[in-house]
Amino acid sequence: METPDLHESLRSLRVWDPEVTTLPAFDPATTPLAPLALFATWFAEAVAAGQTEPHTMSLATSDADGRPDVRTVMLHGADADGWAFASHSHSRKGGHLAARPYAALGFYWPVLGRQVRVRGPVTAAPSGEGQADLHARSTGALAAALTGRQSEVLGSVEELERASTAAWERAQREPDAPVTSWTLYRLAPEEVEFFQGDARRRHVRLRYRRTEDGWARELLWP
């Protein structure tokens, strides 16, 4: 099979095609004093606009030597304690967070030309909260957690199929089965940036920065 021309494919693409994207006006002077309320509003607007999987986000961590890594994960919640996500403690991201408990999150909602970036220290919630988070999710999520061995080298797809089948059977049989390595992590934001795209490239970037007196708000050049 002939390999497609990557550069030709790239040149054929548009950013924020008006047929599928609406770029709403964003006045930073009207924003709330803390970032969580604005995030909740933008998230709800992304859902209402039909954004596909708006709860997915990029999670960036670094290993003990400072080498970065990034992957897409699911947001499990956001409140006064921070932005929450979950994983096995023995996964690659779990190992990174044990060595360097600091991370960054990135949300991209192209249907509205918006991004949200969050970064700050990460802590692990008590085990009971992690188990409650897991068991509030689907049978498939429990089965995936029970399959375990996340980020380890896999010998074959047949090995995965056997382990997954056994995990699904247990998840259906024991919906409260514990997975001791499953961990709920919370990122306490030190900075939260809201990016609103503009058709004339006059993008609005509003950064919230935590200070001793609360949150400072400042605009950034696009």
Foldseek 3Di string as FASTA:
>chain_A
DDDDDPVVVVVVDDALDVVQADFDDDDPVPDDQDCPVVVVVVLVVLVVSPFPQQQKKKKWFAALVRHIDIDIFGFLDADQQATKGKDFCPAPVNRRCVNPQKIKIWTARRNHQKMKIFIAGKDWDPQVVQLVSQLVDDLLSQLVLQLDPHNPDDPDVVVSVVSSVVSSVVCVVCSSDDRRRMIMMGGNTQKMWMWGADPVRQIWIWMWGQDPVGTDIDTDGD
